[in-house]
């Protein structure tokens, strides 16, 4: 899954790679990781966005595109849900350190 980020990964594709139904795959994935495949993907995309926010001065629209979010608003909503801060606030706070 890491190698396919930031592309969307279809649940059916992952399940078929392992010869499982989507339901069994989701259940096994959550039992192993503690999160659903979709939430895992959002978390990983958020981590990628954090790296770009710290290492570049890219605008949010380009960070969103580079990390697989549909647009800057999707990135902002997902980022805030994961970190408790907007990407801009997180960038300001963490670039000072």
PDB file of N, CA and C in Angstrom:
ATOM      1  N   UNK A   1       0.821  -1.182   0.000  1.00  0.00           N
ATOM      2  CA  UNK A   1       0.000   0.000   0.000  1.00  0.00           C
ATOM      3  C   UNK A   1       0.871   1.253   0.000  1.00  0.00           C
ATOM      4  N   UNK A   2       1.997   1.179   0.705  1.00  0.00           N
ATOM      5  CA  UNK A   2       2.899   2.336   0.713  1.00  0.00           C
ATOM      6  C   UNK A   2       3.383   2.677  -0.688  1.00  0.00           C
ATOM      7  N   UNK A   3       3.679   1.663  -1.471  1.00  0.00           N
ATOM      8  CA  UNK A   3       4.235   1.913  -2.799  1.00  0.00           C
ATOM      9  C   UNK A   3       3.218   2.539  -3.739  1.00  0.00           C
ATOM     10  N   UNK A   4       1.941   2.434  -3.433  1.00  0.00           N
ATOM     11  CA  UNK A   4       0.897   2.993  -4.288  1.00  0.00           C
ATOM     12  C   UNK A   4       0.439   4.375  -3.843  1.00  0.00           C
ATOM     13  N   UNK A   5       0.853   4.816  -2.669  1.00  0.00           N
ATOM     14  CA  UNK A   5       0.482   6.164  -2.238  1.00  0.00           C
ATOM     15  C   UNK A   5       1.175   7.158  -3.150  1.00  0.00           C
ATOM     16  N   UNK A   6       0.586   8.221  -3.549  1.00  0.00           N
ATOM     17  CA  UNK A   6      -0.682   8.775  -3.103  1.00  0.00           C
ATOM     18  C   UNK A   6      -1.881   8.361  -3.953  1.00  0.00           C
ATOM     19  N   UNK A   7      -1.728   7.405  -4.827  1.00  0.00           N
ATOM     20  CA  UNK A   7      -2.846   6.971  -5.662  1.00  0.00           C
ATOM     21  C   UNK A   7      -3.935   6.326  -4.808  1.00  0.00           C
ATOM     22  N   UNK A   8      -5.170   6.405  -5.294  1.00  0.00           N
ATOM     23  CA  UNK A   8      -6.270   5.721  -4.624  1.00  0.00           C
ATOM     24  C   UNK A   8      -6.095   4.220  -4.814  1.00  0.00           C
ATOM     25  N   UNK A   9      -6.299   3.478  -3.752  1.00  0.00           N
ATOM     26  CA  UNK A   9      -6.173   2.030  -3.799  1.00  0.00           C
ATOM     27  C   UNK A   9      -7.553   1.449  -3.539  1.00  0.00           C
ATOM     28  N   UNK A  10      -8.049   0.713  -4.497  1.00  0.00           N
ATOM     29  CA  UNK A  10      -9.382   0.136  -4.369  1.00  0.00           C
ATOM     30  C   UNK A  10      -9.366  -1.038  -3.399  1.00  0.00           C
ATOM     31  N   UNK A  11     -10.358  -1.065  -2.535  1.00  0.00           N
ATOM     32  CA  UNK A  11     -10.475  -2.125  -1.545  1.00  0.00           C
ATOM     33  C   UNK A  11     -10.599  -3.497  -2.200  1.00  0.00           C
ATOM     34  N   UNK A  12     -11.360  -3.576  -3.275  1.00  0.00           N
ATOM     35  CA  UNK A  12     -11.527  -4.839  -3.981  1.00  0.00           C
ATOM     36  C   UNK A  12     -10.217  -5.359  -4.538  1.00  0.00           C
ATOM     37  N   UNK A  13      -9.374  -4.449  -5.002  1.00  0.00           N
ATOM     38  CA  UNK A  13      -8.070  -4.840  -5.539  1.00  0.00           C
ATOM     39  C   UNK A  13      -7.184  -5.430  -4.446  1.00  0.00           C
ATOM     40  N   UNK A  14      -7.175  -4.781  -3.286  1.00  0.00           N
ATOM     41  CA  UNK A  14      -6.369  -5.289  -2.173  1.00  0.00           C
ATOM     42  C   UNK A  14      -6.863  -6.658  -1.710  1.00  0.00           C
ATOM     43  N   UNK A  15      -8.172  -6.783  -1.584  1.00  0.00           N
ATOM     44  CA  UNK A  15      -8.748  -8.050  -1.134  1.00  0.00           C
ATOM     45  C   UNK A  15      -8.447  -9.173  -2.118  1.00  0.00           C
ATOM     46  N   UNK A  16      -8.561  -8.880  -3.410  1.00  0.00           N
ATOM     47  CA  UNK A  16      -8.314  -9.926  -4.411  1.00  0.00           C
ATOM     48  C   UNK A  16      -6.850 -10.338  -4.446  1.00  0.00           C
ATOM     49  N   UNK A  17      -5.932  -9.420  -4.154  1.00  0.00           N
ATOM     50  CA  UNK A  17      -4.513  -9.775  -4.096  1.00  0.00           C
ATOM     51  C   UNK A  17      -4.248 -10.845  -3.029  1.00  0.00           C
ATOM     52  N   UNK A  18      -5.059 -10.808  -1.979  1.00  0.00           N
ATOM     53  CA  UNK A  18      -4.891 -11.763  -0.885  1.00  0.00           C
ATOM     54  C   UNK A  18      -5.879 -12.921  -0.959  1.00  0.00           C
ATOM     55  N   UNK A  19      -6.710 -12.917  -1.999  1.00  0.00           N
ATOM     56  CA  UNK A  19      -7.679 -13.987  -2.151  1.00  0.00           C
ATOM     57  C   UNK A  19      -8.770 -13.962  -1.101  1.00  0.00           C
ATOM     58  N   UNK A  20      -9.139 -12.759  -0.657  1.00  0.00           N
ATOM     59  CA  UNK A  20     -10.164 -12.617   0.373  1.00  0.00           C
ATOM     60  C   UNK A  20     -11.308 -11.763  -0.144  1.00  0.00           C
ATOM     61  N   UNK A  21     -12.434 -11.845   0.541  1.00  0.00           N
ATOM     62  CA  UNK A  21     -13.526 -10.926   0.249  1.00  0.00           C
ATOM     63  C   UNK A  21     -13.150  -9.572   0.844  1.00  0.00           C
ATOM     64  N   UNK A  22     -13.823  -8.532   0.382  1.00  0.00           N
ATOM     65  CA  UNK A  22     -13.552  -7.198   0.921  1.00  0.00           C
ATOM     66  C   UNK A  22     -13.838  -7.163   2.417  1.00  0.00           C
ATOM     67  N   UNK A  23     -14.913  -7.809   2.843  1.00  0.00           N
ATOM     68  CA  UNK A  23     -15.282  -7.828   4.256  1.00  0.00           C
ATOM     69  C   UNK A  23     -14.191  -8.478   5.098  1.00  0.00           C
ATOM     70  N   UNK A  24     -13.701  -9.650   4.670  1.00  0.00           N
ATOM     71  CA  UNK A  24     -12.648 -10.340   5.420  1.00  0.00           C
ATOM     72  C   UNK A  24     -11.352  -9.531   5.427  1.00  0.00           C
ATOM     73  N   UNK A  25     -11.036  -8.932   4.296  1.00  0.00           N
ATOM     74  CA  UNK A  25      -9.825  -8.120   4.239  1.00  0.00           C
ATOM     75  C   UNK A  25      -9.918  -6.951   5.218  1.00  0.00           C
ATOM     76  N   UNK A  26     -11.040  -6.224   5.198  1.00  0.00           N
ATOM     77  CA  UNK A  26     -11.205  -5.075   6.111  1.00  0.00           C
ATOM     78  C   UNK A  26     -11.102  -5.508   7.565  1.00  0.00           C
ATOM     79  N   UNK A  27     -11.730  -6.614   7.872  1.00  0.00           N
ATOM     80  CA  UNK A  27     -11.708  -7.113   9.247  1.00  0.00           C
ATOM     81  C   UNK A  27     -10.285  -7.490   9.677  1.00  0.00           C
ATOM     82  N   UNK A  28      -9.563  -8.187   8.817  1.00  0.00           N
ATOM     83  CA  UNK A  28      -8.188  -8.582   9.133  1.00  0.00           C
ATOM     84  C   UNK A  28      -7.271  -7.364   9.205  1.00  0.00           C
ATOM     85  N   UNK A  29      -7.471  -6.431   8.302  1.00  0.00           N
ATOM     86  CA  UNK A  29      -6.641  -5.215   8.293  1.00  0.00           C
ATOM     87  C   UNK A  29      -6.831  -4.439   9.587  1.00  0.00           C
ATOM     88  N   UNK A  30      -8.090  -4.250   9.980  1.00  0.00           N
ATOM     89  CA  UNK A  30      -8.365  -3.504  11.203  1.00  0.00           C
ATOM     90  C   UNK A  30      -7.850  -4.237  12.431  1.00  0.00           C
ATOM     91  N   UNK A  31      -7.954  -5.557  12.438  1.00  0.00           N
ATOM     92  CA  UNK A  31      -7.442  -6.342  13.568  1.00  0.00           C
ATOM     93  C   UNK A  31      -5.929  -6.201  13.687  1.00  0.00           C
ATOM     94  N   UNK A  32      -5.259  -6.075  12.550  1.00  0.00           N
ATOM     95  CA  UNK A  32      -3.802  -5.982  12.543  1.00  0.00           C
ATOM     96  C   UNK A  32      -3.302  -4.570  12.837  1.00  0.00           C
ATOM     97  N   UNK A  33      -3.942  -3.578  12.230  1.00  0.00           N
ATOM     98  CA  UNK A  33      -3.445  -2.202  12.319  1.00  0.00           C
ATOM     99  C   UNK A  33      -4.206  -1.329  13.303  1.00  0.00           C
ATOM    100  N   UNK A  34      -5.410  -1.746  13.670  1.00  0.00           N
ATOM    101  CA  UNK A  34      -6.236  -0.936  14.557  1.00  0.00           C
ATOM    102  C   UNK A  34      -7.040   0.132  13.832  1.00  0.00           C
ATOM    103  N   UNK A  35      -6.974   0.148  12.516  1.00  0.00           N
ATOM    104  CA  UNK A  35      -7.689   1.149  11.735  1.00  0.00           C
ATOM    105  C   UNK A  35      -8.177   0.538  10.423  1.00  0.00           C
ATOM    106  N   UNK A  36      -9.127   1.185   9.809  1.00  0.00           N
ATOM    107  CA  UNK A  36      -9.636   0.682   8.531  1.00  0.00           C
ATOM    108  C   UNK A  36      -8.645   1.017   7.416  1.00  0.00           C
ATOM    109  N   UNK A  37      -8.723   0.309   6.289  1.00  0.00           N
ATOM    110  CA  UNK A  37      -7.827   0.639   5.178  1.00  0.00           C
ATOM    111  C   UNK A  37      -7.958   2.097   4.723  1.00  0.00           C
ATOM    112  N   UNK A  38      -9.178   2.608   4.694  1.00  0.00           N
ATOM    113  CA  UNK A  38      -9.393   3.995   4.289  1.00  0.00           C
ATOM    114  C   UNK A  38      -8.736   4.958   5.276  1.00  0.00           C
ATOM    115  N   UNK A  39      -8.925   4.737   6.572  1.00  0.00           N
ATOM    116  CA  UNK A  39      -8.321   5.611   7.579  1.00  0.00           C
ATOM    117  C   UNK A  39      -6.794   5.509   7.548  1.00  0.00           C
ATOM    118  N   UNK A  40      -6.281   4.324   7.320  1.00  0.00           N
ATOM    119  CA  UNK A  40      -4.831   4.149   7.211  1.00  0.00           C
ATOM    120  C   UNK A  40      -4.302   4.993   6.059  1.00  0.00           C
ATOM    121  N   UNK A  41      -5.002   4.931   4.925  1.00  0.00           N
ATOM    122  CA  UNK A  41      -4.563   5.688   3.758  1.00  0.00           C
ATOM    123  C   UNK A  41      -4.606   7.190   4.044  1.00  0.00           C
ATOM    124  N   UNK A  42      -5.649   7.677   4.715  1.00  0.00           N
ATOM    125  CA  UNK A  42      -5.715   9.095   5.076  1.00  0.00           C
ATOM    126  C   UNK A  42      -4.573   9.482   6.010  1.00  0.00           C
ATOM    127  N   UNK A  43      -4.279   8.621   6.975  1.00  0.00           N
ATOM    128  CA  UNK A  43      -3.182   8.896   7.907  1.00  0.00           C
ATOM    129  C   UNK A  43      -1.846   8.988   7.170  1.00  0.00           C
ATOM    130  N   UNK A  44      -1.615   8.068   6.260  1.00  0.00           N
ATOM    131  CA  UNK A  44      -0.363   8.069   5.514  1.00  0.00           C
ATOM    132  C   UNK A  44      -0.265   9.284   4.587  1.00  0.00           C
ATOM    133  N   UNK A  45      -1.357   9.655   3.967  1.00  0.00           N
ATOM    134  CA  UNK A  45      -1.356  10.847   3.120  1.00  0.00           C
ATOM    135  C   UNK A  45      -1.102  12.098   3.952  1.00  0.00           C
ATOM    136  N   UNK A  46      -1.667  12.124   5.154  1.00  0.00           N
ATOM    137  CA  UNK A  46      -1.435  13.257   6.053  1.00  0.00           C
ATOM    138  C   UNK A  46       0.036  13.338   6.442  1.00  0.00           C
ATOM    139  N   UNK A  47       0.652  12.198   6.717  1.00  0.00           N
ATOM    140  CA  UNK A  47       2.086  12.180   7.037  1.00  0.00           C
ATOM    141  C   UNK A  47       2.913  12.698   5.854  1.00  0.00           C
ATOM    142  N   UNK A  48       2.523  12.288   4.640  1.00  0.00           N
ATOM    143  CA  UNK A  48       3.221  12.786   3.444  1.00  0.00           C
ATOM    144  C   UNK A  48       3.057  14.299   3.336  1.00  0.00           C
ATOM    145  N   UNK A  49       1.864  14.780   3.607  1.00  0.00           N
ATOM    146  CA  UNK A  49       1.604  16.221   3.549  1.00  0.00           C
ATOM    147  C   UNK A  49       2.442  16.957   4.593  1.00  0.00           C
ATOM    148  N   UNK A  50       2.556  16.396   5.777  1.00  0.00           N
ATOM    149  CA  UNK A  50       3.375  17.012   6.818  1.00  0.00           C
ATOM    150  C   UNK A  50       4.822  17.154   6.352  1.00  0.00           C
ATOM    151  N   UNK A  51       5.343  16.123   5.715  1.00  0.00           N
ATOM    152  CA  UNK A  51       6.707  16.194   5.201  1.00  0.00           C
ATOM    153  C   UNK A  51       6.865  17.297   4.179  1.00  0.00           C
ATOM    154  N   UNK A  52       5.915  17.402   3.256  1.00  0.00           N
ATOM    155  CA  UNK A  52       5.992  18.460   2.245  1.00  0.00           C
ATOM    156  C   UNK A  52       5.828  19.846   2.860  1.00  0.00           C
ATOM    157  N   UNK A  53       4.974  19.960   3.854  1.00  0.00           N
ATOM    158  CA  UNK A  53       4.777  21.257   4.507  1.00  0.00           C
ATOM    159  C   UNK A  53       6.047  21.725   5.205  1.00  0.00           C
ATOM    160  N   UNK A  54       6.802  20.784   5.764  1.00  0.00           N
ATOM    161  CA  UNK A  54       8.041  21.145   6.451  1.00  0.00           C
ATOM    162  C   UNK A  54       9.208  21.366   5.490  1.00  0.00           C
ATOM    163  N   UNK A  55       9.257  20.592   4.423  1.00  0.00           N
ATOM    164  CA  UNK A  55      10.420  20.602   3.540  1.00  0.00           C
ATOM    165  C   UNK A  55      10.309  21.558   2.366  1.00  0.00           C
ATOM    166  N   UNK A  56       9.096  22.032   2.077  1.00  0.00           N
ATOM    167  CA  UNK A  56       8.910  22.903   0.915  1.00  0.00           C
ATOM    168  C   UNK A  56       8.048  24.094   1.301  1.00  0.00           C
ATOM    169  N   UNK A  57       7.942  25.028   0.389  1.00  0.00           N
ATOM    170  CA  UNK A  57       7.002  26.135   0.578  1.00  0.00           C
ATOM    171  C   UNK A  57       5.841  26.027  -0.419  1.00  0.00           C
ATOM    172  N   UNK A  58       5.547  24.785  -0.827  1.00  0.00           N
ATOM    173  CA  UNK A  58       4.471  24.534  -1.776  1.00  0.00           C
ATOM    174  C   UNK A  58       3.148  25.041  -1.226  1.00  0.00           C
ATOM    175  N   UNK A  59       2.312  25.625  -2.084  1.00  0.00           N
ATOM    176  CA  UNK A  59       0.969  25.998  -1.629  1.00  0.00           C
ATOM    177  C   UNK A  59       0.136  24.744  -1.361  1.00  0.00           C
ATOM    178  N   UNK A  60      -0.900  24.900  -0.557  1.00  0.00           N
ATOM    179  CA  UNK A  60      -1.720  23.757  -0.167  1.00  0.00           C
ATOM    180  C   UNK A  60      -2.318  23.024  -1.350  1.00  0.00           C
ATOM    181  N   UNK A  61      -2.676  23.739  -2.395  1.00  0.00           N
ATOM    182  CA  UNK A  61      -3.265  23.079  -3.558  1.00  0.00           C
ATOM    183  C   UNK A  61      -2.285  22.076  -4.168  1.00  0.00           C
ATOM    184  N   UNK A  62      -1.008  22.419  -4.214  1.00  0.00           N
ATOM    185  CA  UNK A  62      -0.003  21.501  -4.767  1.00  0.00           C
ATOM    186  C   UNK A  62       0.322  20.370  -3.792  1.00  0.00           C
ATOM    187  N   UNK A  63       0.317  20.679  -2.497  1.00  0.00           N
ATOM    188  CA  UNK A  63       0.529  19.631  -1.496  1.00  0.00           C
ATOM    189  C   UNK A  63      -0.608  18.614  -1.588  1.00  0.00           C
ATOM    190  N   UNK A  64      -1.828  19.114  -1.724  1.00  0.00           N
ATOM    191  CA  UNK A  64      -2.985  18.227  -1.851  1.00  0.00           C
ATOM    192  C   UNK A  64      -2.850  17.335  -3.077  1.00  0.00           C
ATOM    193  N   UNK A  65      -2.480  17.916  -4.190  1.00  0.00           N
ATOM    194  CA  UNK A  65      -2.323  17.147  -5.431  1.00  0.00           C
ATOM    195  C   UNK A  65      -1.226  16.101  -5.290  1.00  0.00           C
ATOM    196  N   UNK A  66      -0.118  16.475  -4.687  1.00  0.00           N
ATOM    197  CA  UNK A  66       1.029  15.572  -4.554  1.00  0.00           C
ATOM    198  C   UNK A  66       0.770  14.417  -3.590  1.00  0.00           C
ATOM    199  N   UNK A  67      -0.176  14.599  -2.684  1.00  0.00           N
ATOM    200  CA  UNK A  67      -0.422  13.572  -1.672  1.00  0.00           C
ATOM    201  C   UNK A  67      -1.718  12.800  -1.895  1.00  0.00           C
ATOM    202  N   UNK A  68      -2.385  13.048  -3.014  1.00  0.00           N
ATOM    203  CA  UNK A  68      -3.551  12.253  -3.381  1.00  0.00           C
ATOM    204  C   UNK A  68      -4.886  12.753  -2.887  1.00  0.00           C
ATOM    205  N   UNK A  69      -4.934  13.942  -2.304  1.00  0.00           N
ATOM    206  CA  UNK A  69      -6.213  14.506  -1.904  1.00  0.00           C
ATOM    207  C   UNK A  69      -6.859  15.146  -3.123  1.00  0.00           C
ATOM    208  N   UNK A  70      -8.188  15.172  -3.139  1.00  0.00           N
ATOM    209  CA  UNK A  70      -8.895  15.673  -4.320  1.00  0.00           C
ATOM    210  C   UNK A  70      -8.699  17.169  -4.521  1.00  0.00           C
ATOM    211  N   UNK A  71      -8.545  17.909  -3.442  1.00  0.00           N
ATOM    212  CA  UNK A  71      -8.292  19.351  -3.529  1.00  0.00           C
ATOM    213  C   UNK A  71      -7.805  19.848  -2.171  1.00  0.00           C
ATOM    214  N   UNK A  72      -7.512  21.144  -2.089  1.00  0.00           N
ATOM    215  CA  UNK A  72      -6.972  21.705  -0.850  1.00  0.00           C
ATOM    216  C   UNK A  72      -7.959  21.585   0.310  1.00  0.00           C
ATOM    217  N   UNK A  73      -9.247  21.737   0.047  1.00  0.00           N
ATOM    218  CA  UNK A  73     -10.237  21.632   1.124  1.00  0.00           C
ATOM    219  C   UNK A  73     -10.291  20.213   1.685  1.00  0.00           C
ATOM    220  N   UNK A  74     -10.174  19.215   0.825  1.00  0.00           N
ATOM    221  CA  UNK A  74     -10.147  17.826   1.296  1.00  0.00           C
ATOM    222  C   UNK A  74      -8.918  17.619   2.187  1.00  0.00           C
ATOM    223  N   UNK A  75      -7.789  18.140   1.775  1.00  0.00           N
ATOM    224  CA  UNK A  75      -6.566  18.060   2.585  1.00  0.00           C
ATOM    225  C   UNK A  75      -6.772  18.753   3.927  1.00  0.00           C
ATOM    226  N   UNK A  76      -7.331  19.955   3.905  1.00  0.00           N
ATOM    227  CA  UNK A  76      -7.520  20.716   5.142  1.00  0.00           C
ATOM    228  C   UNK A  76      -8.412  19.953   6.116  1.00  0.00           C
ATOM    229  N   UNK A  77      -9.540  19.423   5.628  1.00  0.00           N
ATOM    230  CA  UNK A  77     -10.462  18.690   6.504  1.00  0.00           C
ATOM    231  C   UNK A  77      -9.799  17.439   7.085  1.00  0.00           C
ATOM    232  N   UNK A  78      -9.157  16.652   6.240  1.00  0.00           N
ATOM    233  CA  UNK A  78      -8.522  15.415   6.709  1.00  0.00           C
ATOM    234  C   UNK A  78      -7.358  15.722   7.646  1.00  0.00           C
ATOM    235  N   UNK A  79      -6.566  16.730   7.309  1.00  0.00           N
ATOM    236  CA  UNK A  79      -5.407  17.107   8.109  1.00  0.00           C
ATOM    237  C   UNK A  79      -5.847  17.555   9.495  1.00  0.00           C
ATOM    238  N   UNK A  80      -6.878  18.403   9.542  1.00  0.00           N
ATOM    239  CA  UNK A  80      -7.354  18.910  10.826  1.00  0.00           C
ATOM    240  C   UNK A  80      -7.931  17.788  11.681  1.00  0.00           C
ATOM    241  N   UNK A  81      -8.620  16.857  11.046  1.00  0.00           N
ATOM    242  CA  UNK A  81      -9.178  15.723  11.782  1.00  0.00           C
ATOM    243  C   UNK A  81      -8.060  14.863  12.374  1.00  0.00           C
ATOM    244  N   UNK A  82      -6.965  14.696  11.636  1.00  0.00           N
ATOM    245  CA  UNK A  82      -5.850  13.854  12.097  1.00  0.00           C
ATOM    246  C   UNK A  82      -4.978  14.563  13.142  1.00  0.00           C
ATOM    247  N   UNK A  83      -4.719  15.863  12.943  1.00  0.00           N
ATOM    248  CA  UNK A  83      -3.739  16.559  13.779  1.00  0.00           C
ATOM    249  C   UNK A  83      -4.337  17.563  14.746  1.00  0.00           C
ATOM    250  N   UNK A  84      -5.585  17.954  14.502  1.00  0.00           N
ATOM    251  CA  UNK A  84      -6.202  18.975  15.345  1.00  0.00           C
ATOM    252  C   UNK A  84      -5.885  20.393  14.898  1.00  0.00           C
ATOM    253  N   UNK A  85      -5.113  20.528  13.829  1.00  0.00           N
ATOM    254  CA  UNK A  85      -4.731  21.840  13.309  1.00  0.00           C
ATOM    255  C   UNK A  85      -4.912  21.872  11.801  1.00  0.00           C
ATOM    256  N   UNK A  86      -5.071  23.076  11.271  1.00  0.00           N
ATOM    257  CA  UNK A  86      -5.070  23.212   9.823  1.00  0.00           C
ATOM    258  C   UNK A  86      -3.644  23.035   9.329  1.00  0.00           C
ATOM    259  N   UNK A  87      -3.459  22.699   8.064  1.00  0.00           N
ATOM    260  CA  UNK A  87      -2.096  22.566   7.544  1.00  0.00           C
ATOM    261  C   UNK A  87      -1.279  23.849   7.705  1.00  0.00           C
ATOM    262  N   UNK A  88      -1.900  25.002   7.473  1.00  0.00           N
ATOM    263  CA  UNK A  88      -1.160  26.272   7.596  1.00  0.00           C
ATOM    264  C   UNK A  88      -0.704  26.507   9.027  1.00  0.00           C
ATOM    265  N   UNK A  89      -1.584  26.273   9.994  1.00  0.00           N
ATOM    266  CA  UNK A  89      -1.213  26.454  11.398  1.00  0.00           C
ATOM    267  C   UNK A  89      -0.139  25.444  11.801  1.00  0.00           C
ATOM    268  N   UNK A  90      -0.279  24.200  11.341  1.00  0.00           N
ATOM    269  CA  UNK A  90       0.715  23.172  11.659  1.00  0.00           C
ATOM    270  C   UNK A  90       2.071  23.542  11.070  1.00  0.00           C
ATOM    271  N   UNK A  91       2.065  24.043   9.831  1.00  0.00           N
ATOM    272  CA  UNK A  91       3.313  24.448   9.170  1.00  0.00           C
ATOM    273  C   UNK A  91       3.987  25.564   9.946  1.00  0.00           C
ATOM    274  N   UNK A  92       3.222  26.579  10.340  1.00  0.00           N
ATOM    275  CA  UNK A  92       3.789  27.702  11.105  1.00  0.00           C
ATOM    276  C   UNK A  92       4.384  27.221  12.414  1.00  0.00           C
ATOM    277  N   UNK A  93       3.641  26.426  13.145  1.00  0.00           N
ATOM    278  CA  UNK A  93       4.094  25.966  14.454  1.00  0.00           C
ATOM    279  C   UNK A  93       5.320  25.063  14.358  1.00  0.00           C
ATOM    280  N   UNK A  94       5.351  24.193  13.385  1.00  0.00           N
ATOM    281  CA  UNK A  94       6.436  23.224  13.298  1.00  0.00           C
ATOM    282  C   UNK A  94       7.643  23.709  12.527  1.00  0.00           C
ATOM    283  N   UNK A  95       7.511  24.752  11.737  1.00  0.00           N
ATOM    284  CA  UNK A  95       8.672  25.267  11.010  1.00  0.00           C
ATOM    285  C   UNK A  95       9.518  26.163  11.899  1.00  0.00           C
ATOM    286  N   UNK A  96       8.994  26.577  13.047  1.00  0.00           N
ATOM    287  CA  UNK A  96       9.740  27.423  13.980  1.00  0.00           C
ATOM    288  C   UNK A  96      10.712  26.622  14.824  1.00  0.00           C
ATOM    289  N   UNK A  97      10.512  25.328  14.875  1.00  0.00           N
ATOM    290  CA  UNK A  97      11.346  24.471  15.735  1.00  0.00           C
ATOM    291  C   UNK A  97      12.643  24.131  15.099  1.00  0.00           C
TER     292      UNK A  97
END
